[in-house]
C-alpha atoms as a PDB file:
ATOM      1  CA  MET A   1     -68.548  95.791 163.048  1.00  0.00           C
ATOM      2  CA  ASN A   2     -65.789  95.442 159.933  1.00  0.00           C
ATOM      3  CA  ILE A   3     -63.094  92.939 160.132  1.00  0.00           C
ATOM      4  CA  THR A   4     -60.062  92.798 157.799  1.00  0.00           C
ATOM      5  CA  LEU A   5     -57.547  90.011 157.709  1.00  0.00           C
ATOM      6  CA  GLU A   6     -54.163  90.591 156.366  1.00  0.00           C
ATOM      7  CA  PHE A   7     -52.252  87.549 155.362  1.00  0.00           C
ATOM      8  CA  SER A   8     -48.650  86.678 153.948  1.00  0.00           C
ATOM      9  CA  ALA A   9     -46.510  84.055 152.891  1.00  0.00           C
ATOM     10  CA  ILE A  10     -49.036  82.091 150.751  1.00  0.00           C
ATOM     11  CA  GLN A  11     -47.865  79.535 149.003  1.00  0.00           C
ATOM     12  CA  LYS A  12     -49.418  77.120 146.369  1.00  0.00           C
ATOM     13  CA  LEU A  13     -52.918  78.653 146.363  1.00  0.00           C
ATOM     14  CA  PRO A  14     -54.379  77.729 149.565  1.00  0.00           C
ATOM     15  CA  GLU A  15     -58.278  78.282 150.291  1.00  0.00           C
ATOM     16  CA  CYS A  16     -60.128  79.274 153.421  1.00  0.00           C
ATOM     17  CA  ILE A  17     -63.630  79.686 154.812  1.00  0.00           C
ATOM     18  CA  VAL A  18     -63.955  82.215 157.655  1.00  0.00           C
ATOM     19  CA  TYR A  19     -66.421  81.981 160.219  1.00  0.00           C
ATOM     20  CA  ILE A  20     -68.338  84.002 162.625  1.00  0.00           C
ATOM     21  CA  ASN A  21     -70.358  81.883 165.294  1.00  0.00           C
ATOM     22  CA  LYS A  22     -70.000  79.099 162.908  1.00  0.00           C
ATOM     23  CA  GLN A  23     -71.718  81.140 160.131  1.00  0.00           C
ATOM     24  CA  PRO A  24     -69.588  81.109 156.945  1.00  0.00           C
ATOM     25  CA  LYS A  25     -68.695  84.901 155.749  1.00  0.00           C
ATOM     26  CA  TYR A  26     -66.039  84.360 153.180  1.00  0.00           C
ATOM     27  CA  GLN A  27     -65.347  81.123 151.190  1.00  0.00           C
ATOM     28  CA  GLY A  28     -62.630  80.989 148.567  1.00  0.00           C
ATOM     29  CA  PRO A  29     -58.776  81.615 148.076  1.00  0.00           C
ATOM     30  CA  VAL A  30     -56.577  82.849 151.043  1.00  0.00           C
ATOM     31  CA  ILE A  31     -55.703  86.405 149.328  1.00  0.00           C
ATOM     32  CA  ASP A  32     -53.541  89.307 150.908  1.00  0.00           C
ATOM     33  CA  VAL A  33     -56.707  91.088 152.418  1.00  0.00           C
ATOM     34  CA  ILE A  34     -60.218  89.970 153.383  1.00  0.00           C
ATOM     35  CA  HIS A  35     -63.155  92.079 154.520  1.00  0.00           C
ATOM     36  CA  ILE A  36     -65.842  90.879 156.561  1.00  0.00           C
ATOM     37  CA  GLU A  37     -68.644  92.454 158.026  1.00  0.00           C
ATOM     38  CA  HIS A  38     -70.725  91.574 161.046  1.00  0.00           C
ATOM     39  CA  PHE A  39     -73.478  93.295 162.850  1.00  0.00           C
ATOM     40  CA  ASP A  40     -74.660  91.413 165.951  1.00  0.00           C
ATOM     41  CA  GLU A  41     -73.309  92.611 169.191  1.00  0.00           C
ATOM     42  CA  GLY A  42     -71.997  90.443 172.188  1.00  0.00           C
ATOM     43  CA  THR A  43     -69.425  87.562 172.227  1.00  0.00           C
ATOM     44  CA  MET A  44     -68.413  85.955 169.164  1.00  0.00           C
ATOM     45  CA  GLU A  45     -65.953  83.201 167.709  1.00  0.00           C
ATOM     46  CA  LEU A  46     -63.678  84.222 164.861  1.00  0.00           C
ATOM     47  CA  SER A  47     -62.477  81.212 162.907  1.00  0.00           C
ATOM     48  CA  ILE A  48     -60.639  80.718 159.853  1.00  0.00           C
ATOM     49  CA  ALA A  49     -60.564  76.816 158.242  1.00  0.00           C
ATOM     50  CA  PHE A  50     -57.846  75.977 155.910  1.00  0.00           C
ATOM     51  CA  THR A  51     -59.864  73.957 153.505  1.00  0.00           C
ATOM     52  CA  ASN A  52     -57.857  72.529 150.590  1.00  0.00           C
ATOM     53  CA  LYS A  53     -54.722  71.173 152.139  1.00  0.00           C
ATOM     54  CA  LYS A  54     -53.889  67.582 151.015  1.00  0.00           C
ATOM     55  CA  PRO A  55     -50.605  65.361 151.998  1.00  0.00           C
ATOM     56  CA  GLU A  56     -49.138  65.668 148.388  1.00  0.00           C
ATOM     57  CA  ASP A  57     -49.126  69.455 149.246  1.00  0.00           C
ATOM     58  CA  THR A  58     -46.033  69.095 151.325  1.00  0.00           C
ATOM     59  CA  VAL A  59     -42.813  68.289 149.718  1.00  0.00           C
ATOM     60  CA  VAL A  60     -39.972  67.031 151.777  1.00  0.00           C
ATOM     61  CA  ASN A  61     -36.551  66.236 150.867  1.00  0.00           C
ATOM     62  CA  SER A  62     -34.574  63.132 152.051  1.00  0.00           C
ATOM     63  CA  THR A  63     -33.483  64.764 155.194  1.00  0.00           C
ATOM     64  CA  GLY A  64     -37.165  65.184 156.320  1.00  0.00           C
ATOM     65  CA  ASP A  65     -37.109  68.808 155.672  1.00  0.00           C
ATOM     66  CA  ILE A  66     -40.106  70.651 154.128  1.00  0.00           C
ATOM     67  CA  VAL A  67     -39.112  72.179 150.992  1.00  0.00           C
ATOM     68  CA  GLU A  68     -42.272  73.235 149.478  1.00  0.00           C
ATOM     69  CA  ASP A  69     -45.947  73.339 151.098  1.00  0.00           C
ATOM     70  CA  LYS A  70     -49.375  74.791 150.792  1.00  0.00           C
ATOM     71  CA  SER A  71     -49.580  77.201 153.535  1.00  0.00           C
ATOM     72  CA  PHE A  72     -50.025  80.829 154.577  1.00  0.00           C
ATOM     73  CA  GLU A  73     -49.724  83.019 157.689  1.00  0.00           C
ATOM     74  CA  LEU A  74     -52.303  85.312 159.311  1.00  0.00           C
ATOM     75  CA  ASP A  75     -50.581  88.626 160.007  1.00  0.00           C
ATOM     76  CA  ARG A  76     -53.152  91.104 161.284  1.00  0.00           C
ATOM     77  CA  ILE A  77     -56.871  91.354 162.451  1.00  0.00           C
ATOM     78  CA  VAL A  78     -58.071  94.855 162.261  1.00  0.00           C
ATOM     79  CA  ILE A  79     -61.660  95.279 163.555  1.00  0.00           C
ATOM     80  CA  ASP A  80     -63.120  98.747 163.242  1.00  0.00           C
ATOM     81  CA  LYS A  81     -59.934 100.321 162.639  1.00  0.00           C
ATOM     82  CA  TYR A  82     -58.579  98.711 165.720  1.00  0.00           C
ATOM     83  CA  ASP A  83     -55.486  96.862 165.270  1.00  0.00           C
ATOM     84  CA  LEU A  84     -55.832  93.803 167.573  1.00  0.00           C
ATOM     85  CA  GLU A  85     -51.791  93.708 167.438  1.00  0.00           C
ATOM     86  CA  GLU A  86     -50.591  91.480 170.245  1.00  0.00           C
ATOM     87  CA  LEU A  87     -54.419  90.307 171.201  1.00  0.00           C
ATOM     88  CA  LYS A  88     -54.288  88.216 168.095  1.00  0.00           C
ATOM     89  CA  TRP A  89     -52.323  85.767 169.953  1.00  0.00           C
ATOM     90  CA  GLU A  90     -55.310  85.047 172.203  1.00  0.00           C
ATOM     91  CA  SER A  91     -56.103  82.130 169.538  1.00  0.00           C
ATOM     92  CA  LYS A  92     -55.628  78.692 169.016  1.00  0.00           C
ATOM     93  CA  TYR A  93     -55.279  76.549 165.941  1.00  0.00           C
ATOM     94  CA  GLN A  94     -57.020  73.385 165.980  1.00  0.00           C
ATOM     95  CA  ALA A  95     -55.304  71.081 163.340  1.00  0.00           C
ATOM     96  CA  SER A  96     -57.621  68.539 161.580  1.00  0.00           C
ATOM     97  CA  ASN A  97     -55.630  65.510 163.664  1.00  0.00           C
ATOM     98  CA  GLY A  98     -56.347  66.914 167.076  1.00  0.00           C
ATOM     99  CA  VAL A  99     -53.344  68.557 168.027  1.00  0.00           C
ATOM    100  CA  VAL A 100     -53.980  72.107 169.524  1.00  0.00           C
ATOM    101  CA  TYR A 101     -51.351  74.846 168.673  1.00  0.00           C
ATOM    102  CA  ASN A 102     -52.071  77.862 171.279  1.00  0.00           C
ATOM    103  CA  LYS A 103     -51.058  81.040 169.879  1.00  0.00           C
ATOM    104  CA  CYS A 104     -50.337  79.855 166.252  1.00  0.00           C
ATOM    105  CA  LEU A 105     -50.860  82.227 163.291  1.00  0.00           C
ATOM    106  CA  PHE A 106     -49.422  79.718 160.790  1.00  0.00           C
ATOM    107  CA  PHE A 107     -51.529  77.622 158.838  1.00  0.00           C
ATOM    108  CA  GLY A 108     -49.429  74.626 157.681  1.00  0.00           C
ATOM    109  CA  PRO A 109     -51.432  71.735 158.763  1.00  0.00           C
ATOM    110  CA  PRO A 110     -55.187  71.503 157.736  1.00  0.00           C
ATOM    111  CA  GLY A 111     -56.991  72.980 160.607  1.00  0.00           C
ATOM    112  CA  GLU A 112     -58.795  75.803 162.133  1.00  0.00           C
ATOM    113  CA  PHE A 113     -57.546  78.944 163.842  1.00  0.00           C
ATOM    114  CA  ILE A 114     -60.099  80.168 166.362  1.00  0.00           C
ATOM    115  CA  ILE A 115     -60.356  83.135 168.675  1.00  0.00           C
ATOM    116  CA  HIS A 116     -63.156  84.428 170.969  1.00  0.00           C
ATOM    117  CA  LEU A 117     -63.967  88.187 170.844  1.00  0.00           C
ATOM    118  CA  GLU A 118     -66.640  90.641 171.683  1.00  0.00           C
ATOM    119  CA  ASN A 119     -68.361  93.171 169.405  1.00  0.00           C
ATOM    120  CA  PRO A 120     -68.126  96.134 170.141  1.00  0.00           C
ATOM    121  CA  ILE A 121     -64.229  95.201 170.178  1.00  0.00           C
ATOM    122  CA  LEU A 122     -62.729  98.225 172.140  1.00  0.00           C
ATOM    123  CA  PRO A 123     -63.976  97.532 175.566  1.00  0.00           C
ATOM    124  CA  TRP A 124     -62.846  94.080 174.957  1.00  0.00           C
ATOM    125  CA  MET A 125     -59.684  95.024 173.872  1.00  0.00           C
ATOM    126  CA  LEU A 126     -59.116  97.391 176.589  1.00  0.00           C
ATOM    127  CA  ARG A 127     -60.464  94.781 179.476  1.00  0.00           C
ATOM    128  CA  THR A 128     -57.947  91.950 178.045  1.00  0.00           C
ATOM    129  CA  ARG A 129     -55.273  94.028 177.794  1.00  0.00           C
ATOM    130  CA  HIS A 130     -55.828  95.349 181.558  1.00  0.00           C
ATOM    131  CA  ARG A 131     -56.184  91.630 182.761  1.00  0.00           C
ATOM    132  CA  TYR A 132     -52.637  91.094 181.852  1.00  0.00           C
ATOM    133  CA  LYS A 133     -51.745  94.121 183.992  1.00  0.00           C
ATOM    134  CA  ASP A 134     -52.755  92.987 187.121  1.00  0.00           C
ATOM    135  CA  ASP A 135     -56.536  93.030 186.742  1.00  0.00           C
ATOM    136  CA  ASP A 136     -56.203  96.833 186.653  1.00  0.00           C
ATOM    137  CA  PRO A 137     -59.982  97.874 188.172  1.00  0.00           C
ATOM    138  CA  ASN A 138     -59.728 101.140 186.140  1.00  0.00           C
ATOM    139  CA  TRP A 139     -59.561  99.946 182.581  1.00  0.00           C
ATOM    140  CA  GLN A 140     -62.944 101.235 182.089  1.00  0.00           C
ATOM    141  CA  GLU A 141     -61.630 105.022 182.543  1.00  0.00           C
ATOM    142  CA  ASP A 142     -59.152 104.111 179.774  1.00  0.00           C
ATOM    143  CA  TYR A 143     -62.324 102.899 177.665  1.00  0.00           C
ATOM    144  CA  ASN A 144     -63.982 106.260 178.066  1.00  0.00           C
ATOM    145  CA  TYR A 145     -60.813 108.143 177.204  1.00  0.00           C
ATOM    146  CA  TYR A 146     -60.180 105.834 174.245  1.00  0.00           C
ATOM    147  CA  ASP A 147     -63.654 105.758 173.058  1.00  0.00           C
ATOM    148  CA  LYS A 148     -63.659 109.843 173.152  1.00  0.00           C
ATOM    149  CA  ALA A 149     -60.412 110.215 171.367  1.00  0.00           C
ATOM    150  CA  CYS A 150     -61.429 107.744 168.548  1.00  0.00           C
ATOM    151  CA  LYS A 151     -64.811 109.469 167.803  1.00  0.00           C
ATOM    152  CA  LEU A 152     -62.653 113.021 167.558  1.00  0.00           C
ATOM    153  CA  LEU A 153     -59.940 111.261 165.212  1.00  0.00           C
ATOM    154  CA  GLU A 154     -62.940 109.978 162.991  1.00  0.00           C
ATOM    155  CA  GLN A 155     -63.934 113.426 162.311  1.00  0.00           C
ATOM    156  CA  ILE A 156     -60.749 114.448 160.868  1.00  0.00           C
END
C-alpha cells in the first residue's frame, strides 16, 4: 500500500509524525507531499500528529483575531493511486486538550488527525461510499467492475 499525503497552507515550519497502527512511518517537517508505504493487510488507523505547536506560535491581535499561527491543512489522501476524495472526511481531529473535531483537516491546535481504513483500500472505499447510499447490497458488483477497470488502466 502506497500512501500519499498532500498538505497546503503550511505556516511557520510545523512538524508531524505520521503513524499507521500507532507505528511511526514519517517524522519531520510538514512538506507539500509525504509518501508512506504499508504492507500489512486488514484494518488500520492512519494518524498524523502535530508535534511542535506551542502557545507562542499563535499571535493574536488586540481584538482577539489570530494574525499569525503555526498550522497546516491536509488536502488529499491518495492510497494506491485512489484519491479518497470525500472519504477523507471519515476522520476526526483529537486536540491535545481533549476536544474532538469531527471531519477536520485543519491542524491548528496541537493534536492528532485520525482515520480508520482498510488495506486493500478499494473495497473499503466502495463499501463506505455505498453505506451512504442506503446500504446498497450490490457494492461488490461495483468493486469487481472497478478492480477490472483499474487493472486495465495500469497496463496502459
